[in-house]
């Protein structure tokens, strides 16, 4: 088992640059892994990294106009 830092909802919100409602909604919709410690909810650091990686959109690389065929 790896030792993964458990983050509070507030810490996750700060890392994602959002309000606390967003990570709470992710938890409610079961879109992110979380741990219940008694009545407290914690999110593993790796789960935040995995969420960001899974939702990262790569840019589209367009070819220059000169290389395109004339239509």
PDB file of N, CA and C in Angstrom:
ATOM      1  N   UNK A   1       0.843  -1.181   0.000  1.00  0.00           N
ATOM      2  CA  UNK A   1       0.000   0.000   0.000  1.00  0.00           C
ATOM      3  C   UNK A   1       0.885   1.240   0.000  1.00  0.00           C
ATOM      4  N   UNK A   2       0.555   2.183  -0.859  1.00  0.00           N
ATOM      5  CA  UNK A   2       1.331   3.414  -0.906  1.00  0.00           C
ATOM      6  C   UNK A   2       0.768   4.414   0.092  1.00  0.00           C
ATOM      7  N   UNK A   3       1.644   5.210   0.653  1.00  0.00           N
ATOM      8  CA  UNK A   3       1.185   6.251   1.570  1.00  0.00           C
ATOM      9  C   UNK A   3       0.881   7.479   0.739  1.00  0.00           C
ATOM     10  N   UNK A   4      -0.382   7.809   0.671  1.00  0.00           N
ATOM     11  CA  UNK A   4      -0.863   8.916  -0.137  1.00  0.00           C
ATOM     12  C   UNK A   4      -1.461   9.954   0.798  1.00  0.00           C
ATOM     13  N   UNK A   5      -1.069  11.190   0.635  1.00  0.00           N
ATOM     14  CA  UNK A   5      -1.578  12.250   1.499  1.00  0.00           C
ATOM     15  C   UNK A   5      -3.078  12.431   1.259  1.00  0.00           C
ATOM     16  N   UNK A   6      -3.830  12.510   2.339  1.00  0.00           N
ATOM     17  CA  UNK A   6      -5.271  12.732   2.255  1.00  0.00           C
ATOM     18  C   UNK A   6      -5.551  14.221   2.397  1.00  0.00           C
ATOM     19  N   UNK A   7      -6.252  14.768   1.425  1.00  0.00           N
ATOM     20  CA  UNK A   7      -6.534  16.201   1.390  1.00  0.00           C
ATOM     21  C   UNK A   7      -7.964  16.479   1.824  1.00  0.00           C
ATOM     22  N   UNK A   8      -8.160  17.623   2.442  1.00  0.00           N
ATOM     23  CA  UNK A   8      -9.513  18.051   2.793  1.00  0.00           C
ATOM     24  C   UNK A   8     -10.188  18.594   1.532  1.00  0.00           C
ATOM     25  N   UNK A   9     -11.491  18.767   1.603  1.00  0.00           N
ATOM     26  CA  UNK A   9     -12.232  19.331   0.485  1.00  0.00           C
ATOM     27  C   UNK A   9     -11.716  20.736   0.176  1.00  0.00           C
ATOM     28  N   UNK A  10     -11.411  21.497   1.207  1.00  0.00           N
ATOM     29  CA  UNK A  10     -10.876  22.853   1.023  1.00  0.00           C
ATOM     30  C   UNK A  10      -9.539  22.821   0.283  1.00  0.00           C
ATOM     31  N   UNK A  11      -8.658  21.906   0.655  1.00  0.00           N
ATOM     32  CA  UNK A  11      -7.353  21.795   0.001  1.00  0.00           C
ATOM     33  C   UNK A  11      -7.501  21.407  -1.471  1.00  0.00           C
ATOM     34  N   UNK A  12      -8.432  20.501  -1.759  1.00  0.00           N
ATOM     35  CA  UNK A  12      -8.680  20.097  -3.145  1.00  0.00           C
ATOM     36  C   UNK A  12      -9.204  21.288  -3.943  1.00  0.00           C
ATOM     37  N   UNK A  13     -10.116  22.044  -3.353  1.00  0.00           N
ATOM     38  CA  UNK A  13     -10.660  23.220  -4.033  1.00  0.00           C
ATOM     39  C   UNK A  13      -9.546  24.211  -4.353  1.00  0.00           C
ATOM     40  N   UNK A  14      -8.630  24.418  -3.427  1.00  0.00           N
ATOM     41  CA  UNK A  14      -7.513  25.336  -3.659  1.00  0.00           C
ATOM     42  C   UNK A  14      -6.621  24.832  -4.784  1.00  0.00           C
ATOM     43  N   UNK A  15      -6.351  23.531  -4.809  1.00  0.00           N
ATOM     44  CA  UNK A  15      -5.494  22.962  -5.856  1.00  0.00           C
ATOM     45  C   UNK A  15      -6.135  23.067  -7.231  1.00  0.00           C
ATOM     46  N   UNK A  16      -7.456  22.894  -7.288  1.00  0.00           N
ATOM     47  CA  UNK A  16      -8.155  22.963  -8.563  1.00  0.00           C
ATOM     48  C   UNK A  16      -8.527  24.392  -8.947  1.00  0.00           C
ATOM     49  N   UNK A  17      -8.370  25.317  -8.014  1.00  0.00           N
ATOM     50  CA  UNK A  17      -8.717  26.703  -8.293  1.00  0.00           C
ATOM     51  C   UNK A  17     -10.218  26.917  -8.364  1.00  0.00           C
ATOM     52  N   UNK A  18     -10.959  26.183  -7.555  1.00  0.00           N
ATOM     53  CA  UNK A  18     -12.418  26.275  -7.552  1.00  0.00           C
ATOM     54  C   UNK A  18     -12.914  26.555  -6.134  1.00  0.00           C
ATOM     55  N   UNK A  19     -14.206  26.677  -6.004  1.00  0.00           N
ATOM     56  CA  UNK A  19     -14.808  26.765  -4.688  1.00  0.00           C
ATOM     57  C   UNK A  19     -14.982  25.369  -4.116  1.00  0.00           C
ATOM     58  N   UNK A  20     -15.368  25.268  -2.852  1.00  0.00           N
ATOM     59  CA  UNK A  20     -15.517  23.959  -2.219  1.00  0.00           C
ATOM     60  C   UNK A  20     -16.718  23.186  -2.761  1.00  0.00           C
ATOM     61  N   UNK A  21     -17.658  23.879  -3.397  1.00  0.00           N
ATOM     62  CA  UNK A  21     -18.831  23.186  -3.931  1.00  0.00           C
ATOM     63  C   UNK A  21     -18.455  22.198  -5.036  1.00  0.00           C
ATOM     64  N   UNK A  22     -17.434  22.538  -5.845  1.00  0.00           N
ATOM     65  CA  UNK A  22     -17.050  21.667  -6.946  1.00  0.00           C
ATOM     66  C   UNK A  22     -16.529  20.310  -6.451  1.00  0.00           C
ATOM     67  N   UNK A  23     -15.526  20.263  -5.555  1.00  0.00           N
ATOM     68  CA  UNK A  23     -15.096  18.941  -5.077  1.00  0.00           C
ATOM     69  C   UNK A  23     -16.203  18.206  -4.317  1.00  0.00           C
ATOM     70  N   UNK A  24     -17.053  18.931  -3.617  1.00  0.00           N
ATOM     71  CA  UNK A  24     -18.176  18.274  -2.937  1.00  0.00           C
ATOM     72  C   UNK A  24     -19.123  17.632  -3.943  1.00  0.00           C
ATOM     73  N   UNK A  25     -19.342  18.306  -5.073  1.00  0.00           N
ATOM     74  CA  UNK A  25     -20.191  17.733  -6.109  1.00  0.00           C
ATOM     75  C   UNK A  25     -19.532  16.505  -6.734  1.00  0.00           C
ATOM     76  N   UNK A  26     -18.211  16.551  -6.939  1.00  0.00           N
ATOM     77  CA  UNK A  26     -17.495  15.383  -7.460  1.00  0.00           C
ATOM     78  C   UNK A  26     -17.668  14.189  -6.527  1.00  0.00           C
ATOM     79  N   UNK A  27     -17.615  14.443  -5.233  1.00  0.00           N
ATOM     80  CA  UNK A  27     -17.795  13.377  -4.240  1.00  0.00           C
ATOM     81  C   UNK A  27     -19.221  12.852  -4.296  1.00  0.00           C
ATOM     82  N   UNK A  28     -20.194  13.759  -4.313  1.00  0.00           N
ATOM     83  CA  UNK A  28     -21.602  13.358  -4.326  1.00  0.00           C
ATOM     84  C   UNK A  28     -21.946  12.528  -5.559  1.00  0.00           C
ATOM     85  N   UNK A  29     -21.366  12.892  -6.707  1.00  0.00           N
ATOM     86  CA  UNK A  29     -21.628  12.191  -7.958  1.00  0.00           C
ATOM     87  C   UNK A  29     -20.709  10.988  -8.149  1.00  0.00           C
ATOM     88  N   UNK A  30     -19.847  10.723  -7.163  1.00  0.00           N
ATOM     89  CA  UNK A  30     -18.894   9.601  -7.203  1.00  0.00           C
ATOM     90  C   UNK A  30     -17.971   9.672  -8.420  1.00  0.00           C
ATOM     91  N   UNK A  31     -17.554  10.905  -8.765  1.00  0.00           N
ATOM     92  CA  UNK A  31     -16.661  11.108  -9.908  1.00  0.00           C
ATOM     93  C   UNK A  31     -15.208  11.165  -9.496  1.00  0.00           C
ATOM     94  N   UNK A  32     -14.931  11.118  -8.181  1.00  0.00           N
ATOM     95  CA  UNK A  32     -13.562  11.142  -7.675  1.00  0.00           C
ATOM     96  C   UNK A  32     -13.504  10.195  -6.478  1.00  0.00           C
ATOM     97  N   UNK A  33     -12.355   9.560  -6.317  1.00  0.00           N
ATOM     98  CA  UNK A  33     -12.157   8.648  -5.189  1.00  0.00           C
ATOM     99  C   UNK A  33     -12.060   9.450  -3.904  1.00  0.00           C
ATOM    100  N   UNK A  34     -12.709   8.972  -2.855  1.00  0.00           N
ATOM    101  CA  UNK A  34     -12.626   9.651  -1.565  1.00  0.00           C
ATOM    102  C   UNK A  34     -12.647   8.638  -0.436  1.00  0.00           C
ATOM    103  N   UNK A  35     -12.241   9.101   0.733  1.00  0.00           N
ATOM    104  CA  UNK A  35     -12.164   8.262   1.928  1.00  0.00           C
ATOM    105  C   UNK A  35     -12.984   8.922   3.018  1.00  0.00           C
ATOM    106  N   UNK A  36     -13.797   8.136   3.701  1.00  0.00           N
ATOM    107  CA  UNK A  36     -14.532   8.670   4.845  1.00  0.00           C
ATOM    108  C   UNK A  36     -13.769   8.303   6.107  1.00  0.00           C
ATOM    109  N   UNK A  37     -13.424   9.305   6.874  1.00  0.00           N
ATOM    110  CA  UNK A  37     -12.748   9.119   8.150  1.00  0.00           C
ATOM    111  C   UNK A  37     -13.732   9.605   9.205  1.00  0.00           C
ATOM    112  N   UNK A  38     -14.499   8.666   9.734  1.00  0.00           N
ATOM    113  CA  UNK A  38     -15.588   9.057  10.619  1.00  0.00           C
ATOM    114  C   UNK A  38     -16.605   9.826   9.807  1.00  0.00           C
ATOM    115  N   UNK A  39     -16.904  11.039  10.216  1.00  0.00           N
ATOM    116  CA  UNK A  39     -17.833  11.865   9.443  1.00  0.00           C
ATOM    117  C   UNK A  39     -17.122  12.799   8.480  1.00  0.00           C
ATOM    118  N   UNK A  40     -15.792  12.757   8.469  1.00  0.00           N
ATOM    119  CA  UNK A  40     -14.996  13.620   7.603  1.00  0.00           C
ATOM    120  C   UNK A  40     -14.719  12.936   6.270  1.00  0.00           C
ATOM    121  N   UNK A  41     -14.614  13.735   5.235  1.00  0.00           N
ATOM    122  CA  UNK A  41     -14.309  13.225   3.903  1.00  0.00           C
ATOM    123  C   UNK A  41     -12.922  13.717   3.507  1.00  0.00           C
ATOM    124  N   UNK A  42     -12.103  12.806   3.032  1.00  0.00           N
ATOM    125  CA  UNK A  42     -10.757  13.152   2.566  1.00  0.00           C
ATOM    126  C   UNK A  42     -10.573  12.575   1.171  1.00  0.00           C
ATOM    127  N   UNK A  43      -9.780  13.274   0.371  1.00  0.00           N
ATOM    128  CA  UNK A  43      -9.529  12.852  -1.004  1.00  0.00           C
ATOM    129  C   UNK A  43      -8.032  12.597  -1.155  1.00  0.00           C
ATOM    130  N   UNK A  44      -7.655  11.394  -1.598  1.00  0.00           N
ATOM    131  CA  UNK A  44      -6.227  11.118  -1.791  1.00  0.00           C
ATOM    132  C   UNK A  44      -5.630  12.040  -2.854  1.00  0.00           C
ATOM    133  N   UNK A  45      -4.404  12.450  -2.621  1.00  0.00           N
ATOM    134  CA  UNK A  45      -3.704  13.332  -3.553  1.00  0.00           C
ATOM    135  C   UNK A  45      -3.645  12.709  -4.946  1.00  0.00           C
ATOM    136  N   UNK A  46      -3.420  11.404  -5.007  1.00  0.00           N
ATOM    137  CA  UNK A  46      -3.343  10.723  -6.301  1.00  0.00           C
ATOM    138  C   UNK A  46      -4.681  10.756  -7.033  1.00  0.00           C
ATOM    139  N   UNK A  47      -5.799  10.783  -6.300  1.00  0.00           N
ATOM    140  CA  UNK A  47      -7.118  10.853  -6.932  1.00  0.00           C
ATOM    141  C   UNK A  47      -7.318  12.203  -7.607  1.00  0.00           C
ATOM    142  N   UNK A  48      -6.804  13.267  -6.993  1.00  0.00           N
ATOM    143  CA  UNK A  48      -6.901  14.600  -7.599  1.00  0.00           C
ATOM    144  C   UNK A  48      -6.058  14.641  -8.870  1.00  0.00           C
ATOM    145  N   UNK A  49      -4.842  14.092  -8.804  1.00  0.00           N
ATOM    146  CA  UNK A  49      -3.966  14.061  -9.977  1.00  0.00           C
ATOM    147  C   UNK A  49      -4.592  13.228 -11.093  1.00  0.00           C
ATOM    148  N   UNK A  50      -5.198  12.091 -10.743  1.00  0.00           N
ATOM    149  CA  UNK A  50      -5.848  11.232 -11.743  1.00  0.00           C
ATOM    150  C   UNK A  50      -7.050  11.930 -12.363  1.00  0.00           C
ATOM    151  N   UNK A  51      -7.822  12.662 -11.550  1.00  0.00           N
ATOM    152  CA  UNK A  51      -8.982  13.391 -12.063  1.00  0.00           C
ATOM    153  C   UNK A  51      -8.543  14.448 -13.066  1.00  0.00           C
ATOM    154  N   UNK A  52      -7.505  15.191 -12.734  1.00  0.00           N
ATOM    155  CA  UNK A  52      -6.996  16.225 -13.633  1.00  0.00           C
ATOM    156  C   UNK A  52      -6.475  15.593 -14.925  1.00  0.00           C
ATOM    157  N   UNK A  53      -5.720  14.503 -14.800  1.00  0.00           N
ATOM    158  CA  UNK A  53      -5.174  13.838 -15.988  1.00  0.00           C
ATOM    159  C   UNK A  53      -6.287  13.293 -16.883  1.00  0.00           C
ATOM    160  N   UNK A  54      -7.316  12.719 -16.282  1.00  0.00           N
ATOM    161  CA  UNK A  54      -8.414  12.136 -17.056  1.00  0.00           C
ATOM    162  C   UNK A  54      -9.251  13.202 -17.753  1.00  0.00           C
ATOM    163  N   UNK A  55      -9.253  14.421 -17.232  1.00  0.00           N
ATOM    164  CA  UNK A  55     -10.087  15.481 -17.798  1.00  0.00           C
ATOM    165  C   UNK A  55      -9.282  16.551 -18.529  1.00  0.00           C
ATOM    166  N   UNK A  56      -8.014  16.248 -18.797  1.00  0.00           N
ATOM    167  CA  UNK A  56      -7.177  17.178 -19.539  1.00  0.00           C
ATOM    168  C   UNK A  56      -7.425  16.989 -21.026  1.00  0.00           C
ATOM    169  N   UNK A  57      -7.693  18.082 -21.711  1.00  0.00           N
ATOM    170  CA  UNK A  57      -7.954  18.050 -23.144  1.00  0.00           C
ATOM    171  C   UNK A  57      -6.714  18.569 -23.862  1.00  0.00           C
ATOM    172  N   UNK A  58      -6.185  17.755 -24.767  1.00  0.00           N
ATOM    173  CA  UNK A  58      -4.997  18.148 -25.523  1.00  0.00           C
ATOM    174  C   UNK A  58      -5.401  19.104 -26.641  1.00  0.00           C
ATOM    175  N   UNK A  59      -4.549  20.082 -26.948  1.00  0.00           N
ATOM    176  CA  UNK A  59      -4.884  21.025 -28.017  1.00  0.00           C
ATOM    177  C   UNK A  59      -4.835  20.351 -29.387  1.00  0.00           C
ATOM    178  N   UNK A  60      -5.619  20.881 -30.310  1.00  0.00           N
ATOM    179  CA  UNK A  60      -5.613  20.406 -31.684  1.00  0.00           C
ATOM    180  C   UNK A  60      -4.527  21.162 -32.425  1.00  0.00           C
ATOM    181  N   UNK A  61      -3.684  20.431 -33.125  1.00  0.00           N
ATOM    182  CA  UNK A  61      -2.604  21.059 -33.885  1.00  0.00           C
ATOM    183  C   UNK A  61      -3.051  21.161 -35.340  1.00  0.00           C
ATOM    184  N   UNK A  62      -3.171  22.381 -35.817  1.00  0.00           N
ATOM    185  CA  UNK A  62      -3.614  22.621 -37.180  1.00  0.00           C
ATOM    186  C   UNK A  62      -2.413  22.762 -38.089  1.00  0.00           C
ATOM    187  N   UNK A  63      -2.564  22.265 -39.301  1.00  0.00           N
ATOM    188  CA  UNK A  63      -1.494  22.429 -40.286  1.00  0.00           C
ATOM    189  C   UNK A  63      -1.537  23.848 -40.827  1.00  0.00           C
ATOM    190  N   UNK A  64      -0.396  24.387 -41.188  1.00  0.00           N
ATOM    191  CA  UNK A  64      -0.379  25.732 -41.786  1.00  0.00           C
ATOM    192  C   UNK A  64      -1.211  25.774 -43.065  1.00  0.00           C
ATOM    193  N   UNK A  65      -1.757  26.926 -43.385  1.00  0.00           N
ATOM    194  CA  UNK A  65      -2.624  27.087 -44.551  1.00  0.00           C
ATOM    195  C   UNK A  65      -1.894  26.743 -45.867  1.00  0.00           C
ATOM    196  N   UNK A  66      -0.612  27.030 -45.947  1.00  0.00           N
ATOM    197  CA  UNK A  66       0.148  26.785 -47.187  1.00  0.00           C
ATOM    198  C   UNK A  66       0.239  25.302 -47.514  1.00  0.00           C
ATOM    199  N   UNK A  67       0.186  24.438 -46.497  1.00  0.00           N
ATOM    200  CA  UNK A  67       0.312  23.007 -46.729  1.00  0.00           C
ATOM    201  C   UNK A  67      -1.018  22.346 -47.062  1.00  0.00           C
ATOM    202  N   UNK A  68      -2.108  23.030 -46.876  1.00  0.00           N
ATOM    203  CA  UNK A  68      -3.419  22.456 -47.177  1.00  0.00           C
ATOM    204  C   UNK A  68      -3.658  22.473 -48.683  1.00  0.00           C
ATOM    205  N   UNK A  69      -4.347  21.485 -49.143  1.00  0.00           N
ATOM    206  CA  UNK A  69      -4.690  21.422 -50.564  1.00  0.00           C
ATOM    207  C   UNK A  69      -5.756  22.455 -50.905  1.00  0.00           C
ATOM    208  N   UNK A  70      -5.713  22.968 -52.108  1.00  0.00           N
ATOM    209  CA  UNK A  70      -6.709  23.955 -52.546  1.00  0.00           C
ATOM    210  C   UNK A  70      -8.026  23.252 -52.792  1.00  0.00           C
ATOM    211  N   UNK A  71      -9.095  23.824 -52.291  1.00  0.00           N
ATOM    212  CA  UNK A  71     -10.390  23.178 -52.454  1.00  0.00           C
ATOM    213  C   UNK A  71     -11.186  23.748 -53.582  1.00  0.00           C
TER     214      UNK A  71
END
